[in-house]
Amino acid sequence: MQLSKRTQYGLRAMICLADAYDRGFLQTKELAGRERLPMKFLESILSTLTRANLLVSKIGATGGYRLAKPPKDITLSQIISRLEGKRLLEEQQPAQNSEGRPGEVAVSLLQQQLSDGLREALEKMTLATLSEQVSQRHPGQMYYI
């Protein structure tokens, strides 16, 4: 599975925002600089996540973006389905036709199992869990304000 650049950049920004959750709002310019992301593209992504009620935005000198709820309450499924579109997490229907070719049925069953496994993993994993995994792999490299 390959995530689009839009989703990759969105996840990168959300990890940064998860780290800053208790410290307040981060401006788009700061997020773009920290993750070396194109600012205009990032603005579009952040706007999408705000409309999905995953982020809160605030205008002004002390404004920017912050998570709408604690990182432990935001699943990767919520983020990815909003940025990638529902197609990635849509249910695949296995071939119900008992007269189908055995190979076709096998491929369809495998696709269903993979989709179910992916959906289950993304629904279980939270932004907090992913952030913790990052900090374990790269201690001292998370962003601090």
C-alpha atoms as a PDB file:
ATOM      1  CA  MET A   1       0.000   0.000   0.000  1.00  0.00           C
ATOM      2  CA  GLN A   2       1.303   3.429  -0.913  1.00  0.00           C
ATOM      3  CA  LEU A   3      -0.083   6.571   0.729  1.00  0.00           C
ATOM      4  CA  SER A   4      -0.452   9.687  -1.396  1.00  0.00           C
ATOM      5  CA  LYS A   5       1.829  12.677  -0.739  1.00  0.00           C
ATOM      6  CA  ARG A   6      -1.222  14.494   0.618  1.00  0.00           C
ATOM      7  CA  THR A   7      -1.750  11.801   3.258  1.00  0.00           C
ATOM      8  CA  GLN A   8       1.962  11.497   4.042  1.00  0.00           C
ATOM      9  CA  TYR A   9       2.251  15.245   4.584  1.00  0.00           C
ATOM     10  CA  GLY A  10      -0.951  15.291   6.631  1.00  0.00           C
ATOM     11  CA  LEU A  11       0.346  12.548   8.924  1.00  0.00           C
ATOM     12  CA  ARG A  12       3.655  14.369   9.324  1.00  0.00           C
ATOM     13  CA  ALA A  13       1.851  17.552  10.336  1.00  0.00           C
ATOM     14  CA  MET A  14      -0.458  15.676  12.700  1.00  0.00           C
ATOM     15  CA  ILE A  15       2.507  14.041  14.478  1.00  0.00           C
ATOM     16  CA  CYS A  16       4.034  17.489  14.941  1.00  0.00           C
ATOM     17  CA  LEU A  17       0.729  18.822  16.266  1.00  0.00           C
ATOM     18  CA  ALA A  18       0.360  15.810  18.574  1.00  0.00           C
ATOM     19  CA  ASP A  19       3.730  16.622  20.121  1.00  0.00           C
ATOM     20  CA  ALA A  20       2.648  20.238  20.645  1.00  0.00           C
ATOM     21  CA  TYR A  21      -0.868  19.393  21.873  1.00  0.00           C
ATOM     22  CA  ASP A  22      -0.344  20.592  25.461  1.00  0.00           C
ATOM     23  CA  ARG A  23       1.601  23.668  24.391  1.00  0.00           C
ATOM     24  CA  GLY A  24      -0.896  25.383  22.120  1.00  0.00           C
ATOM     25  CA  PHE A  25      -1.295  26.375  18.496  1.00  0.00           C
ATOM     26  CA  LEU A  26       1.322  26.031  15.771  1.00  0.00           C
ATOM     27  CA  GLN A  27       1.318  28.242  12.713  1.00  0.00           C
ATOM     28  CA  THR A  28       1.363  26.757   9.229  1.00  0.00           C
ATOM     29  CA  LYS A  29       4.731  28.367   8.541  1.00  0.00           C
ATOM     30  CA  GLU A  30       6.214  26.668  11.598  1.00  0.00           C
ATOM     31  CA  LEU A  31       4.737  23.288  10.682  1.00  0.00           C
ATOM     32  CA  ALA A  32       5.958  23.586   7.100  1.00  0.00           C
ATOM     33  CA  GLY A  33       9.446  24.522   8.282  1.00  0.00           C
ATOM     34  CA  ARG A  34       9.714  21.748  10.848  1.00  0.00           C
ATOM     35  CA  GLU A  35       8.702  19.052   8.399  1.00  0.00           C
ATOM     36  CA  ARG A  36      10.046  20.735   5.254  1.00  0.00           C
ATOM     37  CA  LEU A  37       6.656  20.678   3.562  1.00  0.00           C
ATOM     38  CA  PRO A  38       5.371  22.994   0.811  1.00  0.00           C
ATOM     39  CA  MET A  39       3.336  25.651   2.595  1.00  0.00           C
ATOM     40  CA  LYS A  40       0.471  26.063   0.089  1.00  0.00           C
ATOM     41  CA  PHE A  41      -0.067  22.307  -0.109  1.00  0.00           C
ATOM     42  CA  LEU A  42       0.076  22.051   3.687  1.00  0.00           C
ATOM     43  CA  GLU A  43      -2.529  24.820   4.044  1.00  0.00           C
ATOM     44  CA  SER A  44      -4.909  22.811   1.871  1.00  0.00           C
ATOM     45  CA  ILE A  45      -4.299  19.662   3.932  1.00  0.00           C
ATOM     46  CA  LEU A  46      -4.795  21.487   7.240  1.00  0.00           C
ATOM     47  CA  SER A  47      -8.010  23.019   5.931  1.00  0.00           C
ATOM     48  CA  THR A  48      -9.313  19.554   5.048  1.00  0.00           C
ATOM     49  CA  LEU A  49      -8.441  18.238   8.512  1.00  0.00           C
ATOM     50  CA  THR A  50     -10.129  21.247  10.115  1.00  0.00           C
ATOM     51  CA  ARG A  51     -13.336  20.600   8.145  1.00  0.00           C
ATOM     52  CA  ALA A  52     -13.132  16.989   9.377  1.00  0.00           C
ATOM     53  CA  ASN A  53     -13.094  18.303  12.969  1.00  0.00           C
ATOM     54  CA  LEU A  54      -9.660  16.815  13.594  1.00  0.00           C
ATOM     55  CA  LEU A  55      -8.041  20.245  13.933  1.00  0.00           C
ATOM     56  CA  VAL A  56      -9.030  23.595  15.372  1.00  0.00           C
ATOM     57  CA  SER A  57      -7.787  26.789  13.753  1.00  0.00           C
ATOM     58  CA  LYS A  58      -7.335  30.183  15.330  1.00  0.00           C
ATOM     59  CA  ILE A  59      -6.613  33.459  13.538  1.00  0.00           C
ATOM     60  CA  GLY A  60      -4.121  35.971  14.878  1.00  0.00           C
ATOM     61  CA  ALA A  61      -0.575  36.316  16.155  1.00  0.00           C
ATOM     62  CA  THR A  62      -1.038  33.505  18.680  1.00  0.00           C
ATOM     63  CA  GLY A  63      -3.129  31.465  16.256  1.00  0.00           C
ATOM     64  CA  GLY A  64      -2.489  28.559  14.010  1.00  0.00           C
ATOM     65  CA  TYR A  65      -3.633  24.965  14.296  1.00  0.00           C
ATOM     66  CA  ARG A  66      -3.934  22.436  17.073  1.00  0.00           C
ATOM     67  CA  LEU A  67      -5.571  19.053  17.444  1.00  0.00           C
ATOM     68  CA  ALA A  68      -9.306  19.228  18.143  1.00  0.00           C
ATOM     69  CA  LYS A  69      -8.985  16.459  20.732  1.00  0.00           C
ATOM     70  CA  PRO A  70      -6.184  14.615  22.519  1.00  0.00           C
ATOM     71  CA  PRO A  71      -3.891  12.507  20.298  1.00  0.00           C
ATOM     72  CA  LYS A  72      -5.125   9.349  22.050  1.00  0.00           C
ATOM     73  CA  ASP A  73      -8.613  10.076  20.721  1.00  0.00           C
ATOM     74  CA  ILE A  74      -7.668  10.460  17.048  1.00  0.00           C
ATOM     75  CA  THR A  75      -7.237   7.267  15.049  1.00  0.00           C
ATOM     76  CA  LEU A  76      -5.110   6.929  11.962  1.00  0.00           C
ATOM     77  CA  SER A  77      -8.232   5.680  10.221  1.00  0.00           C
ATOM     78  CA  GLN A  78      -9.892   9.070  10.769  1.00  0.00           C
ATOM     79  CA  ILE A  79      -6.921  10.947   9.317  1.00  0.00           C
ATOM     80  CA  ILE A  80      -6.228   8.661   6.387  1.00  0.00           C
ATOM     81  CA  SER A  81      -9.845   8.225   5.322  1.00  0.00           C
ATOM     82  CA  ARG A  82     -10.257  12.015   5.239  1.00  0.00           C
ATOM     83  CA  LEU A  83      -7.069  12.673   3.262  1.00  0.00           C
ATOM     84  CA  GLU A  84      -6.915   9.561   1.114  1.00  0.00           C
ATOM     85  CA  GLY A  85     -10.612   9.212   0.546  1.00  0.00           C
ATOM     86  CA  LYS A  86     -12.834   6.370   1.579  1.00  0.00           C
ATOM     87  CA  ARG A  87     -11.618   4.132  -1.241  1.00  0.00           C
ATOM     88  CA  LEU A  88      -8.577   2.987   0.748  1.00  0.00           C
ATOM     89  CA  LEU A  89     -10.709   1.767   3.638  1.00  0.00           C
ATOM     90  CA  GLU A  90     -13.774   0.671   1.680  1.00  0.00           C
ATOM     91  CA  GLU A  91     -14.991  -2.836   2.157  1.00  0.00           C
ATOM     92  CA  GLN A  92     -14.143  -5.170  -0.675  1.00  0.00           C
ATOM     93  CA  GLN A  93     -16.912  -7.642  -1.381  1.00  0.00           C
ATOM     94  CA  PRO A  94     -15.643 -11.168  -1.988  1.00  0.00           C
ATOM     95  CA  ALA A  95     -17.020 -12.975  -4.971  1.00  0.00           C
ATOM     96  CA  GLN A  96     -20.270 -14.588  -3.881  1.00  0.00           C
ATOM     97  CA  ASN A  97     -20.677 -16.517  -7.097  1.00  0.00           C
ATOM     98  CA  SER A  98     -20.049 -20.176  -6.279  1.00  0.00           C
ATOM     99  CA  GLU A  99     -19.526 -20.753 -10.000  1.00  0.00           C
ATOM    100  CA  GLY A 100     -16.588 -18.299 -10.135  1.00  0.00           C
ATOM    101  CA  ARG A 101     -13.168 -19.528 -11.039  1.00  0.00           C
ATOM    102  CA  PRO A 102     -11.294 -20.772  -7.961  1.00  0.00           C
ATOM    103  CA  GLY A 103      -8.439 -18.341  -8.602  1.00  0.00           C
ATOM    104  CA  GLU A 104     -10.817 -15.373  -8.811  1.00  0.00           C
ATOM    105  CA  VAL A 105     -12.512 -16.397  -5.578  1.00  0.00           C
ATOM    106  CA  ALA A 106      -9.115 -16.849  -3.873  1.00  0.00           C
ATOM    107  CA  VAL A 107      -7.931 -13.394  -4.960  1.00  0.00           C
ATOM    108  CA  SER A 108     -11.196 -11.825  -3.863  1.00  0.00           C
ATOM    109  CA  LEU A 109     -11.015 -13.528  -0.454  1.00  0.00           C
ATOM    110  CA  LEU A 110      -7.414 -12.394  -0.006  1.00  0.00           C
ATOM    111  CA  GLN A 111      -8.304  -8.808  -0.933  1.00  0.00           C
ATOM    112  CA  GLN A 112     -11.130  -8.869   1.633  1.00  0.00           C
ATOM    113  CA  GLN A 113      -8.789 -10.163   4.354  1.00  0.00           C
ATOM    114  CA  LEU A 114      -6.162  -7.543   3.552  1.00  0.00           C
ATOM    115  CA  SER A 115      -8.763  -4.758   3.576  1.00  0.00           C
ATOM    116  CA  ASP A 116     -10.174  -5.980   6.879  1.00  0.00           C
ATOM    117  CA  GLY A 117      -6.697  -6.188   8.427  1.00  0.00           C
ATOM    118  CA  LEU A 118      -5.713  -2.731   7.235  1.00  0.00           C
ATOM    119  CA  ARG A 119      -8.966  -1.170   8.417  1.00  0.00           C
ATOM    120  CA  GLU A 120      -8.677  -2.875  11.816  1.00  0.00           C
ATOM    121  CA  ALA A 121      -5.052  -1.771  12.280  1.00  0.00           C
ATOM    122  CA  LEU A 122      -5.806   1.847  11.353  1.00  0.00           C
ATOM    123  CA  GLU A 123      -8.860   1.958  13.609  1.00  0.00           C
ATOM    124  CA  LYS A 124      -6.842   0.653  16.574  1.00  0.00           C
ATOM    125  CA  MET A 125      -3.764   2.848  16.144  1.00  0.00           C
ATOM    126  CA  THR A 126      -4.037   6.370  17.473  1.00  0.00           C
ATOM    127  CA  LEU A 127      -1.976   9.448  16.830  1.00  0.00           C
ATOM    128  CA  ALA A 128      -0.609   9.093  20.374  1.00  0.00           C
ATOM    129  CA  THR A 129       0.503   5.510  19.692  1.00  0.00           C
ATOM    130  CA  LEU A 130       2.271   6.497  16.484  1.00  0.00           C
ATOM    131  CA  SER A 131       3.903   9.484  18.184  1.00  0.00           C
ATOM    132  CA  GLU A 132       5.177   7.230  20.986  1.00  0.00           C
ATOM    133  CA  GLN A 133       6.644   4.817  18.433  1.00  0.00           C
ATOM    134  CA  VAL A 134       8.433   7.695  16.712  1.00  0.00           C
ATOM    135  CA  SER A 135       9.910   8.964  19.973  1.00  0.00           C
ATOM    136  CA  GLN A 136      11.080   5.443  20.883  1.00  0.00           C
ATOM    137  CA  ARG A 137      12.864   5.054  17.555  1.00  0.00           C
ATOM    138  CA  HIS A 138      14.307   8.565  17.586  1.00  0.00           C
ATOM    139  CA  PRO A 139      14.579   9.732  21.203  1.00  0.00           C
ATOM    140  CA  GLY A 140      15.141  13.445  21.601  1.00  0.00           C
ATOM    141  CA  GLN A 141      14.174  14.207  18.030  1.00  0.00           C
ATOM    142  CA  MET A 142      10.544  15.116  18.575  1.00  0.00           C
ATOM    143  CA  TYR A 143       9.603  18.748  18.293  1.00  0.00           C
ATOM    144  CA  TYR A 144       9.566  20.890  21.375  1.00  0.00           C
ATOM    145  CA  ILE A 145       8.361  24.455  21.474  1.00  0.00           C
END
